[in-house]
Protein backbone atom coordinates (compact mmCIF):
# COMPACT_ATOMS: atom_id res chain seq x y z
CA MET A 1 47.00 -111.12 -21.25
CA ARG A 2 45.14 -109.19 -23.96
CA LEU A 3 41.98 -108.32 -21.56
CA GLU A 4 45.07 -105.89 -19.64
CA ARG A 5 46.61 -105.43 -22.64
CA ASP A 6 42.87 -103.49 -24.19
CA LEU A 7 42.33 -101.77 -20.92
CA ALA A 8 45.62 -99.59 -20.89
CA VAL A 9 45.56 -98.49 -23.80
CA ALA A 10 41.97 -98.04 -23.53
CA THR A 11 43.18 -94.06 -22.25
CA LYS A 12 46.03 -93.55 -23.18
CA GLY A 13 46.96 -89.92 -23.25
CA SER A 14 49.34 -88.00 -24.96
CA ARG A 15 52.71 -88.11 -23.33
CA GLY A 16 52.16 -85.63 -20.57
CA THR A 17 50.08 -88.12 -19.04
CA ALA A 18 52.10 -90.91 -19.17
CA THR A 19 52.82 -91.17 -15.45
CA ARG A 20 49.45 -90.70 -15.12
CA ASP A 21 48.69 -93.87 -17.31
CA GLN A 22 50.99 -95.73 -15.79
CA ILE A 23 49.70 -95.45 -12.12
CA VAL A 24 46.32 -96.50 -13.68
CA ASP A 25 47.61 -99.26 -15.35
CA VAL A 26 49.19 -100.93 -12.63
CA ALA A 27 46.13 -100.37 -10.22
CA THR A 28 44.07 -101.89 -12.38
CA ARG A 29 46.03 -105.09 -13.24
CA LEU A 30 46.46 -105.32 -10.10
CA MET A 31 43.77 -104.63 -8.69
CA HIS A 32 42.28 -107.20 -11.42
CA ARG A 33 43.68 -109.76 -9.48
CA GLN A 34 43.66 -108.26 -5.26
CA GLY A 35 40.40 -106.53 -5.41
CA TYR A 36 40.53 -102.51 -4.39
CA HIS A 37 40.92 -103.80 -0.61
CA CYS A 38 43.79 -105.78 -1.29
CA THR A 39 45.55 -103.37 -3.65
CA SER A 40 47.73 -101.53 -1.61
CA LEU A 41 48.55 -97.63 -2.77
CA ASP A 42 52.43 -99.00 -1.40
CA ASP A 43 51.39 -101.62 -4.44
CA VAL A 44 50.58 -99.82 -6.53
CA LEU A 45 53.95 -97.21 -6.17
CA ARG A 46 56.02 -99.95 -5.86
CA GLU A 47 54.97 -101.56 -9.29
CA SER A 48 55.00 -98.81 -11.24
CA GLY A 49 58.16 -97.22 -9.84
CA VAL A 50 56.44 -94.05 -9.33
CA GLY A 51 57.05 -91.69 -6.57
CA LYS A 52 54.06 -90.44 -4.08
CA GLY A 53 54.84 -86.90 -4.24
CA ASN A 54 53.69 -88.08 -7.87
CA PHE A 55 50.51 -90.18 -7.40
CA TYR A 56 50.01 -87.66 -5.42
CA TYR A 57 49.99 -85.45 -7.94
CA TYR A 58 47.83 -86.75 -10.66
CA PHE A 59 44.89 -88.54 -7.64
CA ARG A 60 43.78 -86.73 -4.45
CA SER A 61 43.08 -90.07 -2.93
CA LYS A 62 42.96 -94.74 -3.79
CA GLU A 63 39.33 -93.24 -3.75
CA ASP A 64 39.93 -91.16 -6.57
CA LEU A 65 43.02 -93.58 -8.56
CA GLY A 66 39.13 -96.30 -7.94
CA TYR A 67 37.13 -93.60 -10.00
CA ALA A 68 40.34 -93.53 -12.89
CA ILE A 69 40.57 -96.93 -12.80
CA ILE A 70 36.49 -97.05 -13.54
CA GLY A 71 36.39 -94.43 -15.73
CA ARG A 72 39.32 -96.87 -17.70
CA MET A 73 36.52 -99.76 -17.61
CA GLU A 74 34.76 -97.60 -19.50
CA ALA A 75 36.73 -95.86 -22.34
CA PHE A 76 37.45 -100.62 -22.76
CA LEU A 77 34.16 -101.03 -23.73
CA GLU A 78 32.99 -98.35 -25.71
CA SER A 79 36.52 -98.71 -28.00
CA THR A 80 36.55 -102.03 -27.77
CA LEU A 81 33.27 -104.04 -27.13
CA TYR A 82 30.28 -101.48 -27.81
CA PRO A 83 31.73 -101.58 -31.85
CA LEU A 84 30.89 -104.91 -32.10
CA LEU A 85 27.41 -103.79 -31.55
CA ASP A 86 27.31 -100.65 -32.71
CA GLN A 87 28.24 -101.42 -36.66
CA THR A 88 26.00 -101.45 -39.34
CA SER A 89 27.31 -103.74 -41.37
CA ALA A 90 25.38 -106.60 -40.43
CA GLU A 91 21.78 -107.37 -38.62
CA PRO A 92 21.96 -106.57 -35.24
CA ILE A 93 21.38 -109.93 -34.52
CA HIS A 94 24.98 -110.89 -35.43
CA ARG A 95 26.28 -107.98 -33.66
CA ILE A 96 25.36 -109.24 -30.42
CA HIS A 97 26.47 -112.79 -31.63
CA ARG A 98 29.88 -111.21 -32.51
CA PHE A 99 29.96 -109.87 -29.20
CA LEU A 100 28.82 -112.86 -27.17
CA ASP A 101 31.87 -114.00 -29.30
CA ARG A 102 34.13 -111.57 -28.42
CA ILE A 103 33.84 -112.01 -24.28
CA LEU A 104 34.43 -115.60 -25.25
CA GLU A 105 36.98 -115.24 -26.49
CA THR A 106 38.28 -113.03 -24.12
CA GLN A 107 37.84 -115.67 -21.27
CA ARG A 108 39.48 -118.05 -23.09
CA GLU A 109 42.74 -115.49 -23.10
CA LEU A 110 42.78 -114.89 -19.50
CA ASN A 111 42.70 -119.18 -19.13
CA CYS A 112 39.30 -119.00 -16.39
CA ILE A 113 41.64 -116.17 -14.15
CA GLY A 114 40.58 -112.36 -13.22
CA GLY A 115 37.05 -112.81 -14.19
CA CYS A 116 34.93 -109.78 -15.02
CA PRO A 117 37.42 -106.33 -13.48
CA ILE A 118 33.81 -104.11 -13.65
CA GLY A 119 31.65 -107.63 -11.49
CA ASN A 120 35.00 -108.06 -9.50
CA LEU A 121 34.85 -104.55 -8.34
CA ALA A 122 30.91 -104.55 -8.43
CA SER A 123 30.65 -107.68 -5.83
CA GLU A 124 33.90 -106.66 -4.24
CA LEU A 125 32.42 -102.23 -3.39
CA SER A 126 28.50 -101.85 -4.12
CA ASP A 127 27.60 -102.93 -0.70
CA VAL A 128 30.11 -100.41 1.20
CA HIS A 129 31.15 -97.52 -1.19
CA GLU A 130 27.94 -95.94 -2.62
CA GLY A 131 29.70 -93.62 -5.49
CA PHE A 132 31.40 -96.71 -6.70
CA ARG A 133 28.60 -98.46 -6.25
CA ARG A 134 26.79 -95.92 -9.07
CA ARG A 135 29.95 -95.86 -11.18
CA LEU A 136 29.28 -99.40 -11.95
CA ALA A 137 25.55 -99.43 -12.42
CA GLU A 138 25.41 -97.27 -15.17
CA ILE A 139 27.92 -99.88 -16.38
CA PHE A 140 25.66 -102.11 -16.60
CA SER A 141 23.12 -100.25 -17.40
CA GLU A 142 24.28 -98.80 -20.07
CA TRP A 143 25.90 -102.39 -21.44
CA ARG A 144 22.10 -103.18 -20.84
CA ARG A 145 21.50 -100.29 -23.03
CA ARG A 146 23.66 -101.31 -26.22
CA ILE A 147 22.03 -104.78 -26.18
CA ALA A 148 18.69 -103.66 -25.70
CA ASP A 149 18.85 -100.85 -28.38
CA ALA A 150 20.38 -103.37 -31.24
CA LEU A 151 17.35 -105.65 -29.97
CA ALA A 152 14.93 -103.29 -30.70
CA LEU A 153 16.72 -102.41 -34.79
CA GLU A 154 16.52 -106.32 -34.52
CA GLN A 155 12.78 -106.94 -34.04
CA ALA A 156 11.66 -102.99 -35.94
CA ALA A 157 12.98 -104.86 -38.94
CA GLY A 158 10.82 -107.62 -38.66
CA ARG A 159 13.24 -109.80 -37.46
CA PHE A 160 12.05 -110.02 -33.34
CA SER A 161 8.77 -111.46 -32.23
CA PRO A 162 6.92 -108.20 -32.00
CA GLY A 163 5.97 -108.84 -28.38
CA CYS A 164 9.38 -109.89 -26.31
CA GLU A 165 10.73 -106.57 -24.27
CA PRO A 166 14.59 -106.16 -26.04
CA GLY A 167 15.34 -104.74 -22.61
CA VAL A 168 14.06 -107.03 -20.30
CA ILE A 169 16.44 -109.48 -22.83
CA ALA A 170 19.38 -107.00 -22.67
CA GLN A 171 18.88 -107.77 -18.97
CA PHE A 172 19.02 -111.86 -18.69
CA LEU A 173 22.71 -111.08 -21.30
CA VAL A 174 24.26 -109.37 -19.28
CA ALA A 175 22.89 -110.99 -15.76
CA SER A 176 24.12 -114.82 -17.37
CA LEU A 177 27.36 -113.50 -19.19
CA GLU A 178 28.50 -111.70 -14.97
CA GLY A 179 27.21 -115.20 -13.60
CA ALA A 180 28.95 -117.24 -16.53
CA ILE A 181 32.35 -115.29 -16.14
CA LEU A 182 32.28 -116.13 -12.70
CA LEU A 183 31.41 -119.69 -12.82
CA THR A 184 34.41 -119.70 -15.30
CA LYS A 185 36.84 -118.21 -13.19
CA VAL A 186 35.32 -120.28 -10.35
CA THR A 187 35.75 -124.04 -11.98
CA LYS A 188 38.28 -122.95 -13.70
CA ASP A 189 36.93 -124.68 -17.09
CA ILE A 190 35.93 -122.77 -20.16
CA GLY A 191 33.87 -124.86 -20.78
CA VAL A 192 31.45 -123.02 -18.73
CA MET A 193 31.50 -119.57 -20.86
CA GLU A 194 31.81 -121.18 -24.29
CA ARG A 195 28.53 -123.68 -23.02
CA CYS A 196 26.47 -120.10 -21.66
CA VAL A 197 27.90 -118.01 -25.46
CA ALA A 198 26.13 -120.80 -26.94
CA GLU A 199 22.21 -121.22 -24.52
CA LEU A 200 22.11 -117.73 -25.37
CA LYS A 201 22.28 -117.25 -28.89
CA ARG A 202 19.80 -120.80 -28.78
CA HIS A 203 18.05 -118.59 -26.77
CA LEU A 204 17.46 -115.60 -28.20
CA THR A 205 16.19 -117.56 -31.86
CA LEU A 206 13.18 -118.44 -29.35
CA TYR A 207 12.42 -115.29 -30.24
CA THR A 208 12.48 -115.68 -33.87
CA GLY A 209 10.66 -118.99 -34.73
CA ASN A 210 14.09 -119.81 -35.58
CA GLN A 211 15.57 -123.17 -34.18
CA PRO A 212 18.72 -123.87 -34.63
């Protein structure tokens, strides 16, 4: 599927790192569907066709592999989603709309299966592994910051209410999207995501005075 393919190419390196990339590719795919705890190293080795010797050449442990997977997700956001917010060819509010549309498109391509890889790991690991929790929290913080920066630019241009707080609105958008992705996964109904994205776009108009 497209999300898994995009995650796989996010950090591709030279031929010398092909084996490491293969391990991370397979582990990312398995953990996206099965979770971290339900994916064993034996599962990863069997699916990747890599021997234990090769695995331990690149990774000290399953935990080390977990950090590599989180790094892959950070690279995915940097290469695929954040550029939608950083583009200078469109007004900031339109960049946010494109960002929302891309997330909706991804969930549609997934056919409501799997949910958000970052959200899945956060739900599973935040209470049991402090190191993973911190790294995942950093990802959500960066996601929120990128949206807040776009909103602040809109505000500086006079197209957004001077009384609004871009950081608070960005937090609301991130939390709403993650909740919608989870409900879409549970209900197997893409309409949940479609309605959430439409409502978030409408919510943003409350700060411009331009009701649809």
